[in-house]
Amino acid sequence: MKSLYSLLRPSHIFLMLSLTTLLMVGTISTFVSTPVQAAASASPRLSVQFTCAQAVDLRSGRICVHTQPHAALAIKIRYCTNYYAVSRSLKGTQIADIRGNYTWTWVPNTKCRGAAIAYVTETYSRRTLNAWTRFVVR
């Protein structure tokens, strides 16, 4: 009758001794692979908060927003006649300040006083958000 150790190859004996040593010392480690989260989850959440919206025909108008610092902003104002404001100060892309604030000012010139809508587009970190608010031209 052959002994158990005579049936084993030298590589098996080495493996058994290694496992026995690890069990005695208590240092068996488990390696867990975790997936890396997508970079999009780290992107800031876009938001546009209107902090003022007022206008007096032929005098002054103000639309104020709070958003991400340094976000790119564009605006369109639609009057109750369904025509859009054409003021130069409302054209182009503007950049929010370091606190995320921006204010547009213009002189409204419309044939009707009443309901108007401000449409703002925010672009930040290659993402875009559209927001709007209603206000009254007096």
N, C-alpha and C. Protein backbone atom coordinates (compact mmCIF):
# COMPACT_ATOMS: atom_id res chain seq x y z
N MET A 1 0.83 -1.18 0.00
CA MET A 1 0.00 0.00 0.00
C MET A 1 0.88 1.25 0.00
N LYS A 2 0.60 2.14 -0.93
CA LYS A 2 1.39 3.36 -1.07
C LYS A 2 0.82 4.46 -0.18
N SER A 3 1.70 5.32 0.32
CA SER A 3 1.24 6.45 1.14
C SER A 3 0.69 7.55 0.25
N LEU A 4 -0.06 8.40 0.86
CA LEU A 4 -0.67 9.52 0.14
C LEU A 4 0.40 10.42 -0.46
N TYR A 5 1.47 10.67 0.26
CA TYR A 5 2.53 11.55 -0.22
C TYR A 5 3.31 10.98 -1.39
N SER A 6 3.34 9.65 -1.51
CA SER A 6 4.05 9.05 -2.64
C SER A 6 3.26 9.18 -3.93
N LEU A 7 1.94 9.40 -3.85
CA LEU A 7 1.11 9.55 -5.04
C LEU A 7 1.12 10.99 -5.58
N LEU A 8 1.51 11.92 -4.76
CA LEU A 8 1.48 13.32 -5.16
C LEU A 8 2.76 13.72 -5.88
N ARG A 9 2.63 14.58 -6.81
CA ARG A 9 3.77 15.15 -7.53
C ARG A 9 4.38 16.25 -6.66
N PRO A 10 5.63 16.60 -6.92
CA PRO A 10 6.26 17.67 -6.15
C PRO A 10 5.50 19.00 -6.24
N SER A 11 4.91 19.30 -7.40
CA SER A 11 4.17 20.56 -7.53
C SER A 11 2.91 20.55 -6.68
N HIS A 12 2.28 19.38 -6.52
CA HIS A 12 1.10 19.29 -5.66
C HIS A 12 1.47 19.48 -4.20
N ILE A 13 2.61 18.92 -3.82
CA ILE A 13 3.06 19.04 -2.43
C ILE A 13 3.35 20.51 -2.13
N PHE A 14 4.02 21.21 -3.06
CA PHE A 14 4.31 22.63 -2.87
C PHE A 14 3.01 23.43 -2.71
N LEU A 15 2.02 23.14 -3.53
CA LEU A 15 0.75 23.83 -3.46
C LEU A 15 0.06 23.57 -2.12
N MET A 16 0.05 22.34 -1.69
CA MET A 16 -0.58 22.01 -0.41
C MET A 16 0.12 22.71 0.74
N LEU A 17 1.44 22.73 0.72
CA LEU A 17 2.19 23.39 1.79
C LEU A 17 1.93 24.90 1.78
N SER A 18 1.86 25.49 0.59
CA SER A 18 1.59 26.93 0.48
C SER A 18 0.23 27.28 1.04
N LEU A 19 -0.79 26.50 0.67
CA LEU A 19 -2.15 26.76 1.18
C LEU A 19 -2.23 26.55 2.67
N THR A 20 -1.58 25.54 3.17
CA THR A 20 -1.58 25.28 4.61
C THR A 20 -0.93 26.44 5.35
N THR A 21 0.17 26.95 4.81
CA THR A 21 0.85 28.08 5.45
C THR A 21 -0.05 29.32 5.46
N LEU A 22 -0.70 29.57 4.35
CA LEU A 22 -1.59 30.73 4.29
C LEU A 22 -2.75 30.60 5.25
N LEU A 23 -3.31 29.40 5.38
CA LEU A 23 -4.42 29.20 6.31
C LEU A 23 -3.98 29.38 7.75
N MET A 24 -2.79 28.92 8.06
CA MET A 24 -2.31 29.04 9.43
C MET A 24 -2.03 30.49 9.80
N VAL A 25 -1.48 31.23 8.85
CA VAL A 25 -1.16 32.63 9.12
C VAL A 25 -2.43 33.49 9.06
N GLY A 26 -3.41 33.06 8.28
CA GLY A 26 -4.67 33.80 8.18
C GLY A 26 -4.58 35.00 7.25
N THR A 27 -3.81 34.88 6.20
CA THR A 27 -3.61 36.02 5.32
C THR A 27 -4.16 35.78 3.93
N ILE A 28 -5.18 34.97 3.79
CA ILE A 28 -5.78 34.78 2.48
C ILE A 28 -6.62 36.02 2.17
N SER A 29 -6.36 36.60 1.04
CA SER A 29 -7.06 37.82 0.64
C SER A 29 -8.00 37.51 -0.52
N THR A 30 -9.07 38.24 -0.56
CA THR A 30 -10.00 38.13 -1.67
C THR A 30 -9.91 39.41 -2.48
N PHE A 31 -9.71 39.27 -3.76
CA PHE A 31 -9.64 40.42 -4.64
C PHE A 31 -10.99 40.60 -5.32
N VAL A 32 -11.54 41.78 -5.18
CA VAL A 32 -12.83 42.08 -5.77
C VAL A 32 -12.64 43.17 -6.81
N SER A 33 -13.12 42.92 -7.98
CA SER A 33 -13.03 43.90 -9.05
C SER A 33 -14.33 44.71 -9.07
N THR A 34 -14.20 46.03 -8.97
CA THR A 34 -15.40 46.88 -9.03
C THR A 34 -15.33 47.72 -10.29
N PRO A 35 -16.45 47.87 -10.98
CA PRO A 35 -16.44 48.67 -12.21
C PRO A 35 -16.24 50.15 -11.90
N VAL A 36 -15.55 50.83 -12.78
CA VAL A 36 -15.33 52.27 -12.65
C VAL A 36 -16.59 52.99 -13.08
N GLN A 37 -17.04 53.96 -12.28
CA GLN A 37 -18.24 54.71 -12.65
C GLN A 37 -17.96 55.60 -13.83
N ALA A 38 -18.98 55.80 -14.62
CA ALA A 38 -18.85 56.65 -15.81
C ALA A 38 -18.55 58.08 -15.40
N ALA A 39 -17.83 58.78 -16.24
CA ALA A 39 -17.46 60.18 -15.96
C ALA A 39 -18.69 61.08 -15.91
N ALA A 40 -19.78 60.69 -16.57
CA ALA A 40 -20.98 61.53 -16.59
C ALA A 40 -21.57 61.71 -15.20
N SER A 41 -21.39 60.72 -14.32
CA SER A 41 -21.95 60.85 -12.98
C SER A 41 -21.25 61.96 -12.19
N ALA A 42 -20.04 62.32 -12.60
CA ALA A 42 -19.31 63.38 -11.92
C ALA A 42 -19.67 64.76 -12.47
N SER A 43 -20.38 64.82 -13.57
CA SER A 43 -20.75 66.10 -14.17
C SER A 43 -21.74 66.82 -13.27
N PRO A 44 -21.63 68.13 -13.19
CA PRO A 44 -22.58 68.88 -12.36
C PRO A 44 -23.99 68.83 -12.95
N ARG A 45 -24.95 68.91 -12.09
CA ARG A 45 -26.34 68.91 -12.51
C ARG A 45 -26.70 70.31 -13.01
N LEU A 46 -27.29 70.38 -14.19
CA LEU A 46 -27.66 71.67 -14.76
C LEU A 46 -28.95 72.16 -14.13
N SER A 47 -29.02 73.46 -13.92
CA SER A 47 -30.26 74.06 -13.43
C SER A 47 -30.22 75.56 -13.74
N VAL A 48 -31.38 76.10 -14.00
CA VAL A 48 -31.53 77.54 -14.21
C VAL A 48 -32.64 78.01 -13.28
N GLN A 49 -32.31 78.93 -12.39
CA GLN A 49 -33.31 79.52 -11.51
C GLN A 49 -33.47 80.99 -11.90
N PHE A 50 -34.69 81.37 -12.16
CA PHE A 50 -34.96 82.78 -12.47
C PHE A 50 -35.08 83.52 -11.15
N THR A 51 -34.26 84.54 -10.97
CA THR A 51 -34.29 85.31 -9.72
C THR A 51 -34.96 86.67 -9.90
N CYS A 52 -35.17 87.09 -11.15
CA CYS A 52 -35.99 88.28 -11.42
C CYS A 52 -36.49 88.20 -12.85
N ALA A 53 -37.66 88.74 -13.08
CA ALA A 53 -38.24 88.81 -14.43
C ALA A 53 -39.27 89.93 -14.40
N GLN A 54 -38.90 91.08 -14.96
CA GLN A 54 -39.80 92.24 -14.94
C GLN A 54 -39.52 93.13 -16.13
N ALA A 55 -40.54 93.84 -16.55
CA ALA A 55 -40.37 94.74 -17.69
C ALA A 55 -41.45 95.82 -17.67
N VAL A 56 -41.07 97.01 -18.09
CA VAL A 56 -41.98 98.13 -18.28
C VAL A 56 -41.75 98.61 -19.72
N ASP A 57 -42.81 98.58 -20.52
CA ASP A 57 -42.70 98.92 -21.95
C ASP A 57 -42.08 100.31 -22.14
N LEU A 58 -41.15 100.36 -23.04
CA LEU A 58 -40.44 101.57 -23.42
C LEU A 58 -39.55 102.15 -22.31
N ARG A 59 -39.37 101.42 -21.22
CA ARG A 59 -38.53 101.89 -20.12
C ARG A 59 -37.38 100.93 -19.83
N SER A 60 -37.70 99.76 -19.26
CA SER A 60 -36.63 98.83 -18.89
C SER A 60 -37.18 97.42 -18.69
N GLY A 61 -36.30 96.49 -18.89
CA GLY A 61 -36.62 95.09 -18.64
C GLY A 61 -35.41 94.40 -18.04
N ARG A 62 -35.65 93.43 -17.16
CA ARG A 62 -34.57 92.68 -16.51
C ARG A 62 -34.98 91.22 -16.37
N ILE A 63 -34.09 90.35 -16.77
CA ILE A 63 -34.24 88.91 -16.50
C ILE A 63 -32.94 88.49 -15.81
N CYS A 64 -33.08 87.90 -14.62
CA CYS A 64 -31.91 87.46 -13.85
C CYS A 64 -31.99 85.94 -13.67
N VAL A 65 -30.84 85.29 -13.77
CA VAL A 65 -30.79 83.84 -13.57
C VAL A 65 -29.63 83.47 -12.65
N HIS A 66 -29.79 82.33 -12.01
CA HIS A 66 -28.71 81.72 -11.22
C HIS A 66 -28.53 80.31 -11.75
N THR A 67 -27.27 79.95 -12.04
CA THR A 67 -26.95 78.67 -12.65
C THR A 67 -25.54 78.25 -12.26
N GLN A 68 -24.90 77.40 -13.05
CA GLN A 68 -23.52 76.99 -12.80
C GLN A 68 -22.57 78.17 -13.03
N PRO A 69 -21.54 78.31 -12.21
CA PRO A 69 -20.55 79.35 -12.48
C PRO A 69 -19.93 79.16 -13.87
N HIS A 70 -19.82 80.23 -14.59
CA HIS A 70 -19.20 80.27 -15.92
C HIS A 70 -19.98 79.49 -16.99
N ALA A 71 -21.25 79.23 -16.77
CA ALA A 71 -22.07 78.56 -17.78
C ALA A 71 -22.35 79.54 -18.92
N ALA A 72 -22.48 78.99 -20.12
CA ALA A 72 -22.83 79.81 -21.29
C ALA A 72 -24.35 79.93 -21.34
N LEU A 73 -24.85 81.14 -21.57
CA LEU A 73 -26.28 81.41 -21.52
C LEU A 73 -26.73 82.17 -22.77
N ALA A 74 -27.92 81.83 -23.23
CA ALA A 74 -28.55 82.57 -24.33
C ALA A 74 -30.01 82.78 -23.94
N ILE A 75 -30.61 83.87 -24.43
CA ILE A 75 -31.99 84.20 -24.06
C ILE A 75 -32.78 84.66 -25.28
N LYS A 76 -34.10 84.40 -25.22
CA LYS A 76 -35.07 84.93 -26.18
C LYS A 76 -36.27 85.38 -25.36
N ILE A 77 -36.81 86.54 -25.70
CA ILE A 77 -38.00 87.08 -25.03
C ILE A 77 -39.12 87.13 -26.05
N ARG A 78 -40.25 86.48 -25.72
CA ARG A 78 -41.42 86.51 -26.61
C ARG A 78 -42.54 87.30 -25.94
N TYR A 79 -42.99 88.35 -26.64
CA TYR A 79 -44.05 89.20 -26.12
C TYR A 79 -45.43 88.59 -26.42
N CYS A 80 -46.47 89.20 -25.88
CA CYS A 80 -47.84 88.70 -26.07
C CYS A 80 -48.30 88.81 -27.53
N THR A 81 -47.59 89.54 -28.35
CA THR A 81 -47.91 89.61 -29.79
C THR A 81 -47.32 88.41 -30.54
N ASN A 82 -46.59 87.54 -29.83
CA ASN A 82 -45.86 86.40 -30.39
C ASN A 82 -44.62 86.83 -31.17
N TYR A 83 -44.24 88.10 -31.07
CA TYR A 83 -42.99 88.56 -31.65
C TYR A 83 -41.90 88.50 -30.59
N TYR A 84 -40.66 88.30 -31.04
CA TYR A 84 -39.53 88.23 -30.13
C TYR A 84 -38.85 89.59 -30.01
N ALA A 85 -38.31 89.85 -28.83
CA ALA A 85 -37.55 91.09 -28.61
C ALA A 85 -36.31 91.07 -29.50
N VAL A 86 -35.97 92.24 -30.03
CA VAL A 86 -34.85 92.33 -30.97
C VAL A 86 -33.68 93.16 -30.42
N SER A 87 -33.70 93.47 -29.15
CA SER A 87 -32.65 94.27 -28.55
C SER A 87 -31.29 93.60 -28.68
N ARG A 88 -30.27 94.39 -28.99
CA ARG A 88 -28.90 93.86 -29.14
C ARG A 88 -28.40 93.24 -27.83
N SER A 89 -28.85 93.75 -26.71
CA SER A 89 -28.38 93.24 -25.41
C SER A 89 -28.90 91.84 -25.10
N LEU A 90 -29.86 91.36 -25.89
CA LEU A 90 -30.40 90.01 -25.69
C LEU A 90 -29.81 89.00 -26.68
N LYS A 91 -28.93 89.46 -27.54
CA LYS A 91 -28.36 88.59 -28.58
C LYS A 91 -27.05 87.96 -28.11
N GLY A 92 -26.71 86.83 -28.71
CA GLY A 92 -25.42 86.19 -28.46
C GLY A 92 -25.40 85.35 -27.19
N THR A 93 -24.23 84.85 -26.92
CA THR A 93 -24.00 84.00 -25.74
C THR A 93 -23.32 84.82 -24.66
N GLN A 94 -23.84 84.70 -23.46
CA GLN A 94 -23.28 85.40 -22.30
C GLN A 94 -22.75 84.35 -21.32
N ILE A 95 -21.86 84.76 -20.44
CA ILE A 95 -21.24 83.84 -19.48
C ILE A 95 -21.63 84.25 -18.06
N ALA A 96 -22.13 83.29 -17.28
CA ALA A 96 -22.47 83.55 -15.88
C ALA A 96 -21.20 83.88 -15.10
N ASP A 97 -21.34 84.67 -14.05
CA ASP A 97 -20.18 85.05 -13.26
C ASP A 97 -19.70 83.89 -12.38
N ILE A 98 -18.73 84.15 -11.53
CA ILE A 98 -18.12 83.11 -10.70
C ILE A 98 -19.12 82.50 -9.69
N ARG A 99 -20.18 83.25 -9.39
CA ARG A 99 -21.23 82.73 -8.48
C ARG A 99 -22.38 82.08 -9.24
N GLY A 100 -22.35 82.15 -10.57
CA GLY A 100 -23.40 81.55 -11.39
C GLY A 100 -24.54 82.49 -11.70
N ASN A 101 -24.33 83.79 -11.55
CA ASN A 101 -25.40 84.77 -11.80
C ASN A 101 -25.18 85.52 -13.11
N TYR A 102 -26.31 85.86 -13.75
CA TYR A 102 -26.26 86.73 -14.92
C TYR A 102 -27.58 87.48 -15.02
N THR A 103 -27.51 88.76 -15.47
CA THR A 103 -28.69 89.59 -15.64
C THR A 103 -28.67 90.21 -17.03
N TRP A 104 -29.77 90.02 -17.75
CA TRP A 104 -29.97 90.70 -19.04
C TRP A 104 -30.80 91.95 -18.78
N THR A 105 -30.46 93.05 -19.42
CA THR A 105 -31.27 94.27 -19.36
C THR A 105 -31.51 94.75 -20.79
N TRP A 106 -32.70 95.28 -21.01
CA TRP A 106 -33.05 95.80 -22.33
C TRP A 106 -34.21 96.77 -22.17
N VAL A 107 -34.51 97.48 -23.25
CA VAL A 107 -35.67 98.38 -23.27
C VAL A 107 -36.75 97.70 -24.11
N PRO A 108 -37.82 97.21 -23.46
CA PRO A 108 -38.90 96.55 -24.21
C PRO A 108 -39.60 97.54 -25.14
N ASN A 109 -39.96 97.04 -26.30
CA ASN A 109 -40.70 97.83 -27.26
C ASN A 109 -41.69 96.90 -27.94
N THR A 110 -42.91 96.87 -27.38
CA THR A 110 -43.92 95.94 -27.88
C THR A 110 -45.24 96.67 -28.09
N LYS A 111 -46.09 96.12 -28.95
CA LYS A 111 -47.39 96.73 -29.22
C LYS A 111 -48.45 96.31 -28.21
N CYS A 112 -48.12 95.36 -27.37
CA CYS A 112 -49.08 94.97 -26.33
C CYS A 112 -48.37 94.79 -25.00
N ARG A 113 -49.00 95.27 -23.99
CA ARG A 113 -48.49 95.04 -22.64
C ARG A 113 -49.23 93.84 -22.10
N GLY A 114 -48.51 93.02 -21.37
CA GLY A 114 -49.12 91.81 -20.81
C GLY A 114 -48.12 90.67 -20.73
N ALA A 115 -48.64 89.46 -20.86
CA ALA A 115 -47.82 88.27 -20.67
C ALA A 115 -46.67 88.18 -21.67
N ALA A 116 -45.52 87.77 -21.15
CA ALA A 116 -44.34 87.54 -21.97
C ALA A 116 -43.63 86.31 -21.41
N ILE A 117 -42.76 85.73 -22.22
CA ILE A 117 -42.02 84.55 -21.79
C ILE A 117 -40.54 84.76 -22.08
N ALA A 118 -39.70 84.42 -21.11
CA ALA A 118 -38.25 84.44 -21.29
C ALA A 118 -37.78 82.99 -21.42
N TYR A 119 -37.11 82.68 -22.52
CA TYR A 119 -36.53 81.35 -22.76
C TYR A 119 -35.03 81.45 -22.60
N VAL A 120 -34.46 80.66 -21.70
CA VAL A 120 -33.01 80.68 -21.47
C VAL A 120 -32.44 79.30 -21.77
N THR A 121 -31.33 79.29 -22.48
CA THR A 121 -30.60 78.05 -22.76
C THR A 121 -29.26 78.12 -22.04
N GLU A 122 -29.02 77.10 -21.21
CA GLU A 122 -27.75 76.99 -20.50
C GLU A 122 -26.93 75.88 -21.14
N THR A 123 -25.65 76.15 -21.38
CA THR A 123 -24.73 75.12 -21.87
C THR A 123 -23.54 75.09 -20.92
N TYR A 124 -23.27 73.88 -20.41
CA TYR A 124 -22.18 73.72 -19.45
C TYR A 124 -21.67 72.29 -19.53
N SER A 125 -20.37 72.15 -19.63
CA SER A 125 -19.74 70.83 -19.65
C SER A 125 -20.34 69.94 -20.75
N ARG A 126 -20.51 70.52 -21.94
CA ARG A 126 -21.05 69.84 -23.12
C ARG A 126 -22.48 69.32 -22.93
N ARG A 127 -23.21 69.92 -22.00
CA ARG A 127 -24.62 69.56 -21.80
C ARG A 127 -25.45 70.83 -21.92
N THR A 128 -26.73 70.66 -22.29
CA THR A 128 -27.60 71.81 -22.52
C THR A 128 -28.90 71.64 -21.75
N LEU A 129 -29.40 72.74 -21.23
CA LEU A 129 -30.68 72.76 -20.52
C LEU A 129 -31.47 73.97 -21.01
N ASN A 130 -32.74 73.77 -21.31
CA ASN A 130 -33.64 74.86 -21.69
C ASN A 130 -34.61 75.12 -20.54
N ALA A 131 -34.80 76.38 -20.22
CA ALA A 131 -35.72 76.77 -19.14
C ALA A 131 -36.49 78.00 -19.59
N TRP A 132 -37.63 78.23 -18.96
CA TRP A 132 -38.42 79.41 -19.31
C TRP A 132 -39.19 79.88 -18.09
N THR A 133 -39.60 81.15 -18.16
CA THR A 133 -40.45 81.73 -17.11
C THR A 133 -41.39 82.74 -17.76
N ARG A 134 -42.54 82.87 -17.16
CA ARG A 134 -43.51 83.88 -17.62
C ARG A 134 -43.34 85.13 -16.76
N PHE A 135 -43.58 86.29 -17.37
CA PHE A 135 -43.57 87.54 -16.64
C PHE A 135 -44.51 88.50 -17.38
N VAL A 136 -44.70 89.66 -16.80
CA VAL A 136 -45.65 90.63 -17.38
C VAL A 136 -44.90 91.90 -17.79
N VAL A 137 -45.18 92.35 -19.00
CA VAL A 137 -44.69 93.66 -19.44
C VAL A 137 -45.77 94.66 -19.08
N ARG A 138 -45.44 95.63 -18.27
CA ARG A 138 -46.42 96.62 -17.80
C ARG A 138 -46.33 97.88 -18.65
